[in-house]
């Protein structure tokens, strides 16, 4: 079983549902080695609240994940935790989990990283500038991150017929990547330059091939402005920035359509010819994806030397320790990480 990938799972904000989610992993068996990074006592406390008996092993696992067991690499919290109550004293603990997991991925001890949600506000209040996992991990690895969310579309057969295809194929997922991530809306236009847009599209295309096995990915690019600028009457970013970049990359062989108006880009006739979308900002493309599959969607960070997936939701402080938690997104994040890690292994 030594050829199975080894996943590191960070428990996230201790006052949120991260420890609950990690405890719930003990209900499952996975075709991987799985080590949770968090406070072992806190995870055991949440398991007791949830009425979930299991055997907790401290330290990294050397065996496949099986139901009834959970391996936890213990990182003590800085201050005792009350579910739902944020504490600045635990901010350093939250960041240490990510740093340890990323270090393990870079050294080869872990094959992929799965992150439970953190609370950006309390991290910043504690004096740690933090705009998101994506940017923080990029700072640790030196990579150029591209944030992409994906959700499976079970039961939906979408005919995909591209150039040279002989028959329709099933589209298992809706994928939405972002040209910008966690920025105030007024900063978005200046952040989208020809250089940044080209780099983002190159990373997206490359990783769709390298990590998802899509040989000639078809990418649909959304416009920044309403109606994709309406020929310049509603903004010139499409004319001055987006169209020149897309034309240049098409000449290099990339399969791109757009820039398209965002309000019609997700219609079935467009989706059927799309392997991934590139939205210009966070709240342009993600509402569509989360409407299609909230609680089952997965956040994937592209463009980094480590594989990282995450849940599609926040810390849900009001649900911590309540037992009213859906851990479907974490299960999907783990399954996706296993698939990506297996695809990346020689």
C-alpha atoms as a PDB file:
ATOM      1  CA  UNK A   1       0.000   0.000   0.000  1.00  0.00           C
ATOM      2  CA  UNK A   2       3.047   2.306   0.026  1.00  0.00           C
ATOM      3  CA  UNK A   3       2.139   3.671  -3.408  1.00  0.00           C
ATOM      4  CA  UNK A   4      -0.931   5.435  -1.983  1.00  0.00           C
ATOM      5  CA  UNK A   5      -0.688   9.232  -1.756  1.00  0.00           C
ATOM      6  CA  UNK A   6      -0.247  10.867   1.649  1.00  0.00           C
ATOM      7  CA  UNK A   7      -2.597  13.793   2.328  1.00  0.00           C
ATOM      8  CA  UNK A   8      -2.131  16.468   4.988  1.00  0.00           C
ATOM      9  CA  UNK A   9      -5.382  17.996   6.277  1.00  0.00           C
ATOM     10  CA  UNK A  10      -5.173  21.254   8.245  1.00  0.00           C
ATOM     11  CA  UNK A  11      -7.894  21.767  10.878  1.00  0.00           C
ATOM     12  CA  UNK A  12      -8.246  25.514  10.260  1.00  0.00           C
ATOM     13  CA  UNK A  13      -9.827  27.977  12.688  1.00  0.00           C
ATOM     14  CA  UNK A  14     -10.221  26.129  16.031  1.00  0.00           C
ATOM     15  CA  UNK A  15     -13.375  28.049  17.013  1.00  0.00           C
ATOM     16  CA  UNK A  16     -15.052  27.124  13.730  1.00  0.00           C
ATOM     17  CA  UNK A  17     -16.195  23.849  12.240  1.00  0.00           C
ATOM     18  CA  UNK A  18     -12.723  22.754  11.068  1.00  0.00           C
ATOM     19  CA  UNK A  19     -12.066  20.473  14.076  1.00  0.00           C
ATOM     20  CA  UNK A  20     -15.572  18.992  13.707  1.00  0.00           C
ATOM     21  CA  UNK A  21     -14.949  18.292  10.011  1.00  0.00           C
ATOM     22  CA  UNK A  22     -11.637  16.617  10.802  1.00  0.00           C
ATOM     23  CA  UNK A  23     -13.248  14.445  13.480  1.00  0.00           C
ATOM     24  CA  UNK A  24     -15.908  13.385  10.966  1.00  0.00           C
ATOM     25  CA  UNK A  25     -13.192  12.033   8.676  1.00  0.00           C
ATOM     26  CA  UNK A  26     -12.848   9.137  11.115  1.00  0.00           C
ATOM     27  CA  UNK A  27     -16.148   7.836   9.724  1.00  0.00           C
ATOM     28  CA  UNK A  28     -14.536   7.106   6.385  1.00  0.00           C
ATOM     29  CA  UNK A  29     -11.948   4.977   4.670  1.00  0.00           C
ATOM     30  CA  UNK A  30      -9.960   6.487   1.815  1.00  0.00           C
ATOM     31  CA  UNK A  31      -7.439   5.063  -0.669  1.00  0.00           C
ATOM     32  CA  UNK A  32      -4.714   7.249   0.797  1.00  0.00           C
ATOM     33  CA  UNK A  33      -2.648   7.926   3.882  1.00  0.00           C
ATOM     34  CA  UNK A  34      -4.235  10.813   5.779  1.00  0.00           C
ATOM     35  CA  UNK A  35      -2.723  12.914   8.543  1.00  0.00           C
ATOM     36  CA  UNK A  36      -4.668  15.713  10.217  1.00  0.00           C
ATOM     37  CA  UNK A  37      -2.692  18.689  11.515  1.00  0.00           C
ATOM     38  CA  UNK A  38      -4.446  20.248  14.514  1.00  0.00           C
ATOM     39  CA  UNK A  39      -4.931  20.121  18.261  1.00  0.00           C
ATOM     40  CA  UNK A  40      -5.545  16.464  19.093  1.00  0.00           C
ATOM     41  CA  UNK A  41      -7.426  17.247  22.307  1.00  0.00           C
ATOM     42  CA  UNK A  42      -9.709  19.744  20.579  1.00  0.00           C
ATOM     43  CA  UNK A  43     -10.556  17.298  17.794  1.00  0.00           C
ATOM     44  CA  UNK A  44     -11.316  14.633  20.411  1.00  0.00           C
ATOM     45  CA  UNK A  45     -13.575  17.105  22.254  1.00  0.00           C
ATOM     46  CA  UNK A  46     -15.562  17.862  19.114  1.00  0.00           C
ATOM     47  CA  UNK A  47     -15.833  14.133  18.367  1.00  0.00           C
ATOM     48  CA  UNK A  48     -17.286  13.584  21.833  1.00  0.00           C
ATOM     49  CA  UNK A  49     -19.831  16.379  21.275  1.00  0.00           C
ATOM     50  CA  UNK A  50     -20.750  14.752  17.954  1.00  0.00           C
ATOM     51  CA  UNK A  51     -21.089  11.354  19.631  1.00  0.00           C
ATOM     52  CA  UNK A  52     -18.402   9.857  17.418  1.00  0.00           C
ATOM     53  CA  UNK A  53     -16.166   7.333  19.131  1.00  0.00           C
ATOM     54  CA  UNK A  54     -12.951   6.502  17.270  1.00  0.00           C
ATOM     55  CA  UNK A  55      -9.324   5.720  17.955  1.00  0.00           C
ATOM     56  CA  UNK A  56      -7.112   8.798  17.773  1.00  0.00           C
ATOM     57  CA  UNK A  57      -3.458   8.192  16.971  1.00  0.00           C
ATOM     58  CA  UNK A  58      -0.984  11.019  17.530  1.00  0.00           C
ATOM     59  CA  UNK A  59       1.623  11.516  14.813  1.00  0.00           C
ATOM     60  CA  UNK A  60       1.806  11.000  11.055  1.00  0.00           C
ATOM     61  CA  UNK A  61       0.166   7.904   9.693  1.00  0.00           C
ATOM     62  CA  UNK A  62       2.018   5.006   8.109  1.00  0.00           C
ATOM     63  CA  UNK A  63      -1.142   3.158   7.073  1.00  0.00           C
ATOM     64  CA  UNK A  64      -4.123   3.841   4.808  1.00  0.00           C
ATOM     65  CA  UNK A  65      -7.019   5.798   6.279  1.00  0.00           C
ATOM     66  CA  UNK A  66      -9.685   3.464   7.605  1.00  0.00           C
ATOM     67  CA  UNK A  67     -12.986   4.054   9.322  1.00  0.00           C
ATOM     68  CA  UNK A  68     -12.831   4.268  13.117  1.00  0.00           C
ATOM     69  CA  UNK A  69      -9.319   5.710  13.191  1.00  0.00           C
ATOM     70  CA  UNK A  70      -7.723   9.130  12.751  1.00  0.00           C
ATOM     71  CA  UNK A  71      -4.071  10.158  12.822  1.00  0.00           C
ATOM     72  CA  UNK A  72      -3.463  13.661  14.182  1.00  0.00           C
ATOM     73  CA  UNK A  73      -0.137  15.463  14.148  1.00  0.00           C
ATOM     74  CA  UNK A  74      -0.629  17.465  17.337  1.00  0.00           C
ATOM     75  CA  UNK A  75      -0.229  21.233  17.251  1.00  0.00           C
ATOM     76  CA  UNK A  76      -1.521  22.705  20.525  1.00  0.00           C
ATOM     77  CA  UNK A  77      -3.745  25.765  20.435  1.00  0.00           C
ATOM     78  CA  UNK A  78      -2.460  28.890  22.129  1.00  0.00           C
ATOM     79  CA  UNK A  79      -5.589  29.348  24.222  1.00  0.00           C
ATOM     80  CA  UNK A  80      -8.467  27.091  25.277  1.00  0.00           C
ATOM     81  CA  UNK A  81     -11.188  27.093  22.636  1.00  0.00           C
ATOM     82  CA  UNK A  82     -14.888  27.829  23.022  1.00  0.00           C
ATOM     83  CA  UNK A  83     -16.842  26.776  19.922  1.00  0.00           C
ATOM     84  CA  UNK A  84     -17.966  29.826  17.989  1.00  0.00           C
ATOM     85  CA  UNK A  85     -15.778  32.303  19.903  1.00  0.00           C
ATOM     86  CA  UNK A  86     -12.756  33.672  18.029  1.00  0.00           C
ATOM     87  CA  UNK A  87      -9.549  34.332  19.948  1.00  0.00           C
ATOM     88  CA  UNK A  88      -6.542  36.238  18.616  1.00  0.00           C
ATOM     89  CA  UNK A  89      -4.286  34.064  20.781  1.00  0.00           C
ATOM     90  CA  UNK A  90      -4.907  31.158  18.399  1.00  0.00           C
ATOM     91  CA  UNK A  91      -3.995  32.985  15.194  1.00  0.00           C
ATOM     92  CA  UNK A  92      -0.388  31.795  15.271  1.00  0.00           C
ATOM     93  CA  UNK A  93      -1.630  28.222  15.695  1.00  0.00           C
ATOM     94  CA  UNK A  94      -3.769  28.488  12.553  1.00  0.00           C
ATOM     95  CA  UNK A  95      -0.869  29.734  10.433  1.00  0.00           C
ATOM     96  CA  UNK A  96       1.524  27.135  11.889  1.00  0.00           C
ATOM     97  CA  UNK A  97      -0.734  24.327  10.633  1.00  0.00           C
ATOM     98  CA  UNK A  98      -0.536  25.664   7.075  1.00  0.00           C
ATOM     99  CA  UNK A  99       3.213  26.275   7.270  1.00  0.00           C
ATOM    100  CA  UNK A 100       3.911  22.753   8.561  1.00  0.00           C
ATOM    101  CA  UNK A 101       1.712  21.152   5.893  1.00  0.00           C
ATOM    102  CA  UNK A 102       3.260  23.179   3.060  1.00  0.00           C
ATOM    103  CA  UNK A 103       6.747  22.353   4.302  1.00  0.00           C
ATOM    104  CA  UNK A 104       5.808  18.670   4.302  1.00  0.00           C
ATOM    105  CA  UNK A 105       4.531  18.918   0.726  1.00  0.00           C
ATOM    106  CA  UNK A 106       7.697  20.660  -0.465  1.00  0.00           C
ATOM    107  CA  UNK A 107       9.890  18.030   1.216  1.00  0.00           C
ATOM    108  CA  UNK A 108       7.904  15.137  -0.257  1.00  0.00           C
ATOM    109  CA  UNK A 109       6.475  13.850   3.044  1.00  0.00           C
ATOM    110  CA  UNK A 110       2.989  14.785   1.861  1.00  0.00           C
ATOM    111  CA  UNK A 111       1.659  14.516  -1.679  1.00  0.00           C
ATOM    112  CA  UNK A 112      -1.161  17.033  -1.289  1.00  0.00           C
ATOM    113  CA  UNK A 113      -2.657  19.493   1.159  1.00  0.00           C
ATOM    114  CA  UNK A 114      -6.354  19.812   2.053  1.00  0.00           C
ATOM    115  CA  UNK A 115      -7.341  22.871   4.083  1.00  0.00           C
ATOM    116  CA  UNK A 116     -10.283  23.413   6.402  1.00  0.00           C
ATOM    117  CA  UNK A 117     -11.554  27.016   6.577  1.00  0.00           C
ATOM    118  CA  UNK A 118      -9.786  29.831   8.408  1.00  0.00           C
ATOM    119  CA  UNK A 119     -11.133  33.197   9.554  1.00  0.00           C
ATOM    120  CA  UNK A 120      -9.336  36.009   7.737  1.00  0.00           C
ATOM    121  CA  UNK A 121     -10.652  38.682  10.081  1.00  0.00           C
ATOM    122  CA  UNK A 122      -9.211  37.278  13.310  1.00  0.00           C
ATOM    123  CA  UNK A 123      -5.861  36.602  11.641  1.00  0.00           C
ATOM    124  CA  UNK A 124      -5.625  40.227  10.546  1.00  0.00           C
ATOM    125  CA  UNK A 125      -6.850  41.462  13.932  1.00  0.00           C
ATOM    126  CA  UNK A 126      -4.017  39.475  15.498  1.00  0.00           C
ATOM    127  CA  UNK A 127      -1.484  41.333  13.355  1.00  0.00           C
ATOM    128  CA  UNK A 128      -0.950  38.792  10.575  1.00  0.00           C
ATOM    129  CA  UNK A 129      -1.695  40.233   7.100  1.00  0.00           C
ATOM    130  CA  UNK A 130      -3.755  37.467   5.497  1.00  0.00           C
ATOM    131  CA  UNK A 131      -5.981  37.754   2.436  1.00  0.00           C
ATOM    132  CA  UNK A 132      -6.531  34.028   1.921  1.00  0.00           C
ATOM    133  CA  UNK A 133      -5.025  30.543   1.816  1.00  0.00           C
ATOM    134  CA  UNK A 134      -4.219  30.994  -1.867  1.00  0.00           C
ATOM    135  CA  UNK A 135      -2.024  34.037  -1.373  1.00  0.00           C
ATOM    136  CA  UNK A 136      -0.469  32.765   1.879  1.00  0.00           C
ATOM    137  CA  UNK A 137       0.610  29.440   0.393  1.00  0.00           C
ATOM    138  CA  UNK A 138       1.956  31.238  -2.662  1.00  0.00           C
ATOM    139  CA  UNK A 139       4.118  33.330  -0.358  1.00  0.00           C
ATOM    140  CA  UNK A 140       5.503  30.163   1.243  1.00  0.00           C
ATOM    141  CA  UNK A 141       6.236  28.422  -2.046  1.00  0.00           C
ATOM    142  CA  UNK A 142       7.120  31.261  -4.406  1.00  0.00           C
ATOM    143  CA  UNK A 143       4.495  30.177  -6.911  1.00  0.00           C
ATOM    144  CA  UNK A 144       2.059  32.236  -9.012  1.00  0.00           C
ATOM    145  CA  UNK A 145      -1.341  31.051  -7.793  1.00  0.00           C
ATOM    146  CA  UNK A 146      -4.529  30.700  -9.785  1.00  0.00           C
ATOM    147  CA  UNK A 147      -7.657  29.991  -7.778  1.00  0.00           C
ATOM    148  CA  UNK A 148     -10.135  27.561  -9.324  1.00  0.00           C
ATOM    149  CA  UNK A 149     -13.307  26.070  -7.913  1.00  0.00           C
ATOM    150  CA  UNK A 150     -14.908  22.981  -9.333  1.00  0.00           C
ATOM    151  CA  UNK A 151     -18.078  21.067  -8.636  1.00  0.00           C
ATOM    152  CA  UNK A 152     -19.242  17.761 -10.008  1.00  0.00           C
ATOM    153  CA  UNK A 153     -22.479  17.740 -11.956  1.00  0.00           C
ATOM    154  CA  UNK A 154     -23.840  14.247 -11.222  1.00  0.00           C
ATOM    155  CA  UNK A 155     -26.547  13.039 -13.529  1.00  0.00           C
ATOM    156  CA  UNK A 156     -26.001  15.818 -16.032  1.00  0.00           C
ATOM    157  CA  UNK A 157     -24.726  14.627 -19.371  1.00  0.00           C
ATOM    158  CA  UNK A 158     -23.396  17.575 -21.292  1.00  0.00           C
ATOM    159  CA  UNK A 159     -22.497  16.893 -24.890  1.00  0.00           C
ATOM    160  CA  UNK A 160     -18.985  18.109 -25.579  1.00  0.00           C
ATOM    161  CA  UNK A 161     -17.935  18.053 -29.215  1.00  0.00           C
ATOM    162  CA  UNK A 162     -14.747  19.907 -30.032  1.00  0.00           C
ATOM    163  CA  UNK A 163     -12.604  20.003 -33.121  1.00  0.00           C
ATOM    164  CA  UNK A 164     -11.744  16.462 -34.107  1.00  0.00           C
ATOM    165  CA  UNK A 165     -13.990  14.809 -31.507  1.00  0.00           C
ATOM    166  CA  UNK A 166     -15.903  11.837 -32.893  1.00  0.00           C
ATOM    167  CA  UNK A 167     -18.572  11.591 -30.226  1.00  0.00           C
ATOM    168  CA  UNK A 168     -19.972  13.579 -27.306  1.00  0.00           C
ATOM    169  CA  UNK A 169     -18.329  13.109 -23.930  1.00  0.00           C
ATOM    170  CA  UNK A 170     -19.655  13.491 -20.410  1.00  0.00           C
ATOM    171  CA  UNK A 171     -18.676  16.706 -18.619  1.00  0.00           C
ATOM    172  CA  UNK A 172     -18.222  15.710 -14.974  1.00  0.00           C
ATOM    173  CA  UNK A 173     -17.465  19.139 -13.598  1.00  0.00           C
ATOM    174  CA  UNK A 174     -18.057  22.848 -13.780  1.00  0.00           C
ATOM    175  CA  UNK A 175     -14.718  24.614 -13.300  1.00  0.00           C
ATOM    176  CA  UNK A 176     -14.326  28.338 -12.656  1.00  0.00           C
ATOM    177  CA  UNK A 177     -10.900  29.960 -12.291  1.00  0.00           C
ATOM    178  CA  UNK A 178     -10.269  33.561 -11.266  1.00  0.00           C
ATOM    179  CA  UNK A 179      -8.109  36.240 -12.855  1.00  0.00           C
ATOM    180  CA  UNK A 180      -8.075  38.071  -9.499  1.00  0.00           C
ATOM    181  CA  UNK A 181      -8.819  36.637  -6.076  1.00  0.00           C
ATOM    182  CA  UNK A 182      -9.491  38.481  -2.821  1.00  0.00           C
ATOM    183  CA  UNK A 183      -9.482  42.103  -3.907  1.00  0.00           C
ATOM    184  CA  UNK A 184     -11.875  44.992  -3.273  1.00  0.00           C
ATOM    185  CA  UNK A 185     -13.946  45.430  -6.417  1.00  0.00           C
ATOM    186  CA  UNK A 186     -12.561  48.901  -7.152  1.00  0.00           C
ATOM    187  CA  UNK A 187      -9.028  47.433  -7.399  1.00  0.00           C
ATOM    188  CA  UNK A 188      -9.943  44.740  -9.923  1.00  0.00           C
ATOM    189  CA  UNK A 189      -9.598  46.638 -13.243  1.00  0.00           C
ATOM    190  CA  UNK A 190      -6.066  47.836 -12.484  1.00  0.00           C
ATOM    191  CA  UNK A 191      -5.048  44.314 -11.435  1.00  0.00           C
ATOM    192  CA  UNK A 192      -5.989  42.841 -14.824  1.00  0.00           C
ATOM    193  CA  UNK A 193      -3.147  43.680 -17.198  1.00  0.00           C
ATOM    194  CA  UNK A 194      -2.126  41.996 -20.419  1.00  0.00           C
ATOM    195  CA  UNK A 195       0.796  40.375 -18.609  1.00  0.00           C
ATOM    196  CA  UNK A 196      -1.190  39.055 -15.633  1.00  0.00           C
ATOM    197  CA  UNK A 197      -4.042  37.837 -17.822  1.00  0.00           C
ATOM    198  CA  UNK A 198      -1.714  35.979 -20.177  1.00  0.00           C
ATOM    199  CA  UNK A 199       0.139  34.355 -17.273  1.00  0.00           C
ATOM    200  CA  UNK A 200      -3.122  33.287 -15.643  1.00  0.00           C
ATOM    201  CA  UNK A 201      -4.422  31.713 -18.853  1.00  0.00           C
ATOM    202  CA  UNK A 202      -1.122  29.915 -19.459  1.00  0.00           C
ATOM    203  CA  UNK A 203      -1.168  28.451 -15.934  1.00  0.00           C
ATOM    204  CA  UNK A 204      -4.816  27.450 -16.238  1.00  0.00           C
ATOM    205  CA  UNK A 205      -4.284  25.742 -19.588  1.00  0.00           C
ATOM    206  CA  UNK A 206      -1.103  24.004 -18.444  1.00  0.00           C
ATOM    207  CA  UNK A 207      -2.612  22.652 -15.213  1.00  0.00           C
ATOM    208  CA  UNK A 208      -5.805  21.500 -16.891  1.00  0.00           C
ATOM    209  CA  UNK A 209      -3.547  19.306 -19.005  1.00  0.00           C
ATOM    210  CA  UNK A 210      -0.971  18.306 -16.387  1.00  0.00           C
ATOM    211  CA  UNK A 211      -3.317  17.766 -13.437  1.00  0.00           C
ATOM    212  CA  UNK A 212      -6.657  16.924 -15.045  1.00  0.00           C
ATOM    213  CA  UNK A 213      -5.488  15.121 -18.168  1.00  0.00           C
ATOM    214  CA  UNK A 214      -7.346  17.419 -20.609  1.00  0.00           C
ATOM    215  CA  UNK A 215      -5.092  17.410 -23.660  1.00  0.00           C
ATOM    216  CA  UNK A 216      -6.445  20.523 -25.421  1.00  0.00           C
ATOM    217  CA  UNK A 217      -8.489  22.416 -22.830  1.00  0.00           C
ATOM    218  CA  UNK A 218     -11.241  24.739 -23.964  1.00  0.00           C
ATOM    219  CA  UNK A 219     -11.354  27.883 -21.842  1.00  0.00           C
ATOM    220  CA  UNK A 220     -14.182  30.406 -21.855  1.00  0.00           C
ATOM    221  CA  UNK A 221     -13.113  33.875 -20.740  1.00  0.00           C
ATOM    222  CA  UNK A 222     -15.654  36.249 -19.215  1.00  0.00           C
ATOM    223  CA  UNK A 223     -15.632  39.971 -19.899  1.00  0.00           C
ATOM    224  CA  UNK A 224     -15.007  42.388 -17.063  1.00  0.00           C
ATOM    225  CA  UNK A 225     -17.821  44.806 -17.830  1.00  0.00           C
ATOM    226  CA  UNK A 226     -21.568  44.271 -18.340  1.00  0.00           C
ATOM    227  CA  UNK A 227     -22.239  42.910 -21.833  1.00  0.00           C
ATOM    228  CA  UNK A 228     -18.444  42.470 -22.166  1.00  0.00           C
ATOM    229  CA  UNK A 229     -18.105  46.222 -22.575  1.00  0.00           C
ATOM    230  CA  UNK A 230     -20.778  46.682 -25.271  1.00  0.00           C
ATOM    231  CA  UNK A 231     -18.178  47.561 -27.901  1.00  0.00           C
ATOM    232  CA  UNK A 232     -16.468  50.040 -25.598  1.00  0.00           C
ATOM    233  CA  UNK A 233     -19.608  51.888 -24.493  1.00  0.00           C
ATOM    234  CA  UNK A 234     -19.569  50.186 -21.061  1.00  0.00           C
ATOM    235  CA  UNK A 235     -15.803  50.058 -20.618  1.00  0.00           C
ATOM    236  CA  UNK A 236     -12.725  49.479 -22.742  1.00  0.00           C
ATOM    237  CA  UNK A 237     -10.977  46.712 -20.778  1.00  0.00           C
ATOM    238  CA  UNK A 238     -12.222  44.075 -23.210  1.00  0.00           C
ATOM    239  CA  UNK A 239     -10.882  46.023 -26.215  1.00  0.00           C
ATOM    240  CA  UNK A 240      -7.609  47.224 -24.688  1.00  0.00           C
ATOM    241  CA  UNK A 241      -6.621  44.205 -22.584  1.00  0.00           C
ATOM    242  CA  UNK A 242      -8.671  41.043 -22.967  1.00  0.00           C
ATOM    243  CA  UNK A 243      -9.100  40.787 -26.733  1.00  0.00           C
ATOM    244  CA  UNK A 244      -5.389  41.335 -27.585  1.00  0.00           C
ATOM    245  CA  UNK A 245      -4.296  38.680 -25.074  1.00  0.00           C
ATOM    246  CA  UNK A 246      -6.829  36.137 -26.311  1.00  0.00           C
ATOM    247  CA  UNK A 247      -5.853  36.768 -29.940  1.00  0.00           C
ATOM    248  CA  UNK A 248      -2.167  36.306 -29.103  1.00  0.00           C
ATOM    249  CA  UNK A 249      -2.755  33.051 -27.230  1.00  0.00           C
ATOM    250  CA  UNK A 250      -5.052  31.694 -29.938  1.00  0.00           C
ATOM    251  CA  UNK A 251      -2.243  32.167 -32.430  1.00  0.00           C
ATOM    252  CA  UNK A 252      -0.134  29.994 -30.106  1.00  0.00           C
ATOM    253  CA  UNK A 253      -2.727  27.235 -30.279  1.00  0.00           C
ATOM    254  CA  UNK A 254      -4.809  27.769 -27.144  1.00  0.00           C
ATOM    255  CA  UNK A 255      -8.533  27.051 -27.461  1.00  0.00           C
ATOM    256  CA  UNK A 256     -10.198  30.188 -26.101  1.00  0.00           C
ATOM    257  CA  UNK A 257     -13.584  31.770 -26.529  1.00  0.00           C
ATOM    258  CA  UNK A 258     -14.562  35.197 -25.324  1.00  0.00           C
ATOM    259  CA  UNK A 259     -14.552  37.613 -23.782  1.00  0.00           C
ATOM    260  CA  UNK A 260     -18.223  36.742 -23.267  1.00  0.00           C
ATOM    261  CA  UNK A 261     -20.848  38.573 -21.213  1.00  0.00           C
ATOM    262  CA  UNK A 262     -20.923  36.883 -17.820  1.00  0.00           C
ATOM    263  CA  UNK A 263     -24.712  36.807 -17.618  1.00  0.00           C
ATOM    264  CA  UNK A 264     -25.035  34.394 -20.560  1.00  0.00           C
ATOM    265  CA  UNK A 265     -21.675  32.592 -20.497  1.00  0.00           C
ATOM    266  CA  UNK A 266     -22.965  29.722 -18.340  1.00  0.00           C
ATOM    267  CA  UNK A 267     -25.844  28.758 -20.605  1.00  0.00           C
ATOM    268  CA  UNK A 268     -25.817  25.078 -21.643  1.00  0.00           C
ATOM    269  CA  UNK A 269     -24.720  25.762 -25.218  1.00  0.00           C
ATOM    270  CA  UNK A 270     -21.586  27.521 -23.928  1.00  0.00           C
ATOM    271  CA  UNK A 271     -20.957  25.100 -21.050  1.00  0.00           C
ATOM    272  CA  UNK A 272     -21.073  22.184 -23.477  1.00  0.00           C
ATOM    273  CA  UNK A 273     -17.954  23.527 -25.195  1.00  0.00           C
ATOM    274  CA  UNK A 274     -16.071  24.592 -22.072  1.00  0.00           C
ATOM    275  CA  UNK A 275     -13.589  22.727 -19.887  1.00  0.00           C
ATOM    276  CA  UNK A 276     -13.026  25.717 -17.595  1.00  0.00           C
ATOM    277  CA  UNK A 277     -14.138  29.317 -17.267  1.00  0.00           C
ATOM    278  CA  UNK A 278     -11.925  32.248 -16.370  1.00  0.00           C
ATOM    279  CA  UNK A 279     -13.844  34.883 -14.409  1.00  0.00           C
ATOM    280  CA  UNK A 280     -12.349  38.320 -13.908  1.00  0.00           C
ATOM    281  CA  UNK A 281     -13.124  38.587 -10.189  1.00  0.00           C
ATOM    282  CA  UNK A 282     -14.275  36.555  -7.211  1.00  0.00           C
ATOM    283  CA  UNK A 283     -17.993  37.327  -7.201  1.00  0.00           C
ATOM    284  CA  UNK A 284     -18.423  37.158 -10.971  1.00  0.00           C
ATOM    285  CA  UNK A 285     -18.093  33.416 -11.502  1.00  0.00           C
ATOM    286  CA  UNK A 286     -18.288  31.807  -8.072  1.00  0.00           C
ATOM    287  CA  UNK A 287     -21.969  32.520  -7.345  1.00  0.00           C
ATOM    288  CA  UNK A 288     -22.888  30.432 -10.390  1.00  0.00           C
ATOM    289  CA  UNK A 289     -20.653  27.561  -9.307  1.00  0.00           C
ATOM    290  CA  UNK A 290     -21.823  27.610  -5.703  1.00  0.00           C
ATOM    291  CA  UNK A 291     -25.448  27.727  -6.790  1.00  0.00           C
ATOM    292  CA  UNK A 292     -24.788  24.626  -8.868  1.00  0.00           C
ATOM    293  CA  UNK A 293     -23.040  22.699  -6.137  1.00  0.00           C
ATOM    294  CA  UNK A 294     -22.634  24.448  -2.778  1.00  0.00           C
ATOM    295  CA  UNK A 295     -21.461  22.029  -0.131  1.00  0.00           C
ATOM    296  CA  UNK A 296     -20.012  19.754  -2.812  1.00  0.00           C
ATOM    297  CA  UNK A 297     -17.635  22.180  -4.501  1.00  0.00           C
ATOM    298  CA  UNK A 298     -13.857  22.149  -4.126  1.00  0.00           C
ATOM    299  CA  UNK A 299     -11.343  24.989  -4.188  1.00  0.00           C
ATOM    300  CA  UNK A 300      -8.145  24.038  -6.046  1.00  0.00           C
ATOM    301  CA  UNK A 301      -5.027  26.190  -6.145  1.00  0.00           C
ATOM    302  CA  UNK A 302      -3.233  25.986  -9.491  1.00  0.00           C
ATOM    303  CA  UNK A 303       0.195  27.321 -10.407  1.00  0.00           C
ATOM    304  CA  UNK A 304       1.994  26.211  -7.233  1.00  0.00           C
ATOM    305  CA  UNK A 305       4.632  23.520  -6.642  1.00  0.00           C
ATOM    306  CA  UNK A 306       2.253  21.861  -4.140  1.00  0.00           C
ATOM    307  CA  UNK A 307      -1.192  20.327  -4.684  1.00  0.00           C
ATOM    308  CA  UNK A 308      -3.826  22.049  -2.567  1.00  0.00           C
ATOM    309  CA  UNK A 309      -7.582  21.620  -2.349  1.00  0.00           C
ATOM    310  CA  UNK A 310     -10.052  23.108   0.093  1.00  0.00           C
ATOM    311  CA  UNK A 311     -13.686  23.272   1.093  1.00  0.00           C
ATOM    312  CA  UNK A 312     -15.972  25.792  -0.596  1.00  0.00           C
ATOM    313  CA  UNK A 313     -17.314  27.360   2.610  1.00  0.00           C
ATOM    314  CA  UNK A 314     -16.216  29.359   5.626  1.00  0.00           C
ATOM    315  CA  UNK A 315     -15.707  28.702   9.323  1.00  0.00           C
ATOM    316  CA  UNK A 316     -19.462  28.608  10.172  1.00  0.00           C
ATOM    317  CA  UNK A 317     -18.798  29.688  13.756  1.00  0.00           C
ATOM    318  CA  UNK A 318     -22.449  29.314  14.705  1.00  0.00           C
ATOM    319  CA  UNK A 319     -22.355  25.596  13.810  1.00  0.00           C
ATOM    320  CA  UNK A 320     -19.140  24.646  15.620  1.00  0.00           C
ATOM    321  CA  UNK A 321     -19.842  21.837  18.067  1.00  0.00           C
ATOM    322  CA  UNK A 322     -23.521  21.721  17.093  1.00  0.00           C
ATOM    323  CA  UNK A 323     -23.601  18.420  15.247  1.00  0.00           C
ATOM    324  CA  UNK A 324     -25.490  20.123  12.388  1.00  0.00           C
ATOM    325  CA  UNK A 325     -22.603  20.033   9.931  1.00  0.00           C
ATOM    326  CA  UNK A 326     -22.450  18.831   6.335  1.00  0.00           C
ATOM    327  CA  UNK A 327     -18.934  17.619   5.580  1.00  0.00           C
ATOM    328  CA  UNK A 328     -19.637  16.891   1.914  1.00  0.00           C
ATOM    329  CA  UNK A 329     -17.305  19.588   0.623  1.00  0.00           C
ATOM    330  CA  UNK A 330     -14.398  18.249   2.694  1.00  0.00           C
ATOM    331  CA  UNK A 331     -15.016  14.743   1.366  1.00  0.00           C
ATOM    332  CA  UNK A 332     -14.967  16.112  -2.194  1.00  0.00           C
ATOM    333  CA  UNK A 333     -11.785  18.063  -1.446  1.00  0.00           C
ATOM    334  CA  UNK A 334     -10.103  14.875  -0.244  1.00  0.00           C
ATOM    335  CA  UNK A 335     -11.310  12.797  -3.188  1.00  0.00           C
ATOM    336  CA  UNK A 336     -10.117  15.495  -5.583  1.00  0.00           C
ATOM    337  CA  UNK A 337      -6.737  15.696  -3.853  1.00  0.00           C
ATOM    338  CA  UNK A 338      -6.358  11.920  -4.152  1.00  0.00           C
ATOM    339  CA  UNK A 339      -7.170  12.063  -7.881  1.00  0.00           C
ATOM    340  CA  UNK A 340      -4.753  14.918  -8.508  1.00  0.00           C
ATOM    341  CA  UNK A 341      -1.983  13.318  -6.444  1.00  0.00           C
ATOM    342  CA  UNK A 342      -2.383   9.999  -8.226  1.00  0.00           C
ATOM    343  CA  UNK A 343      -2.278  11.755 -11.590  1.00  0.00           C
ATOM    344  CA  UNK A 344       0.907  13.586 -10.591  1.00  0.00           C
ATOM    345  CA  UNK A 345       2.726  10.504  -9.298  1.00  0.00           C
ATOM    346  CA  UNK A 346       5.146   8.836 -11.741  1.00  0.00           C
END
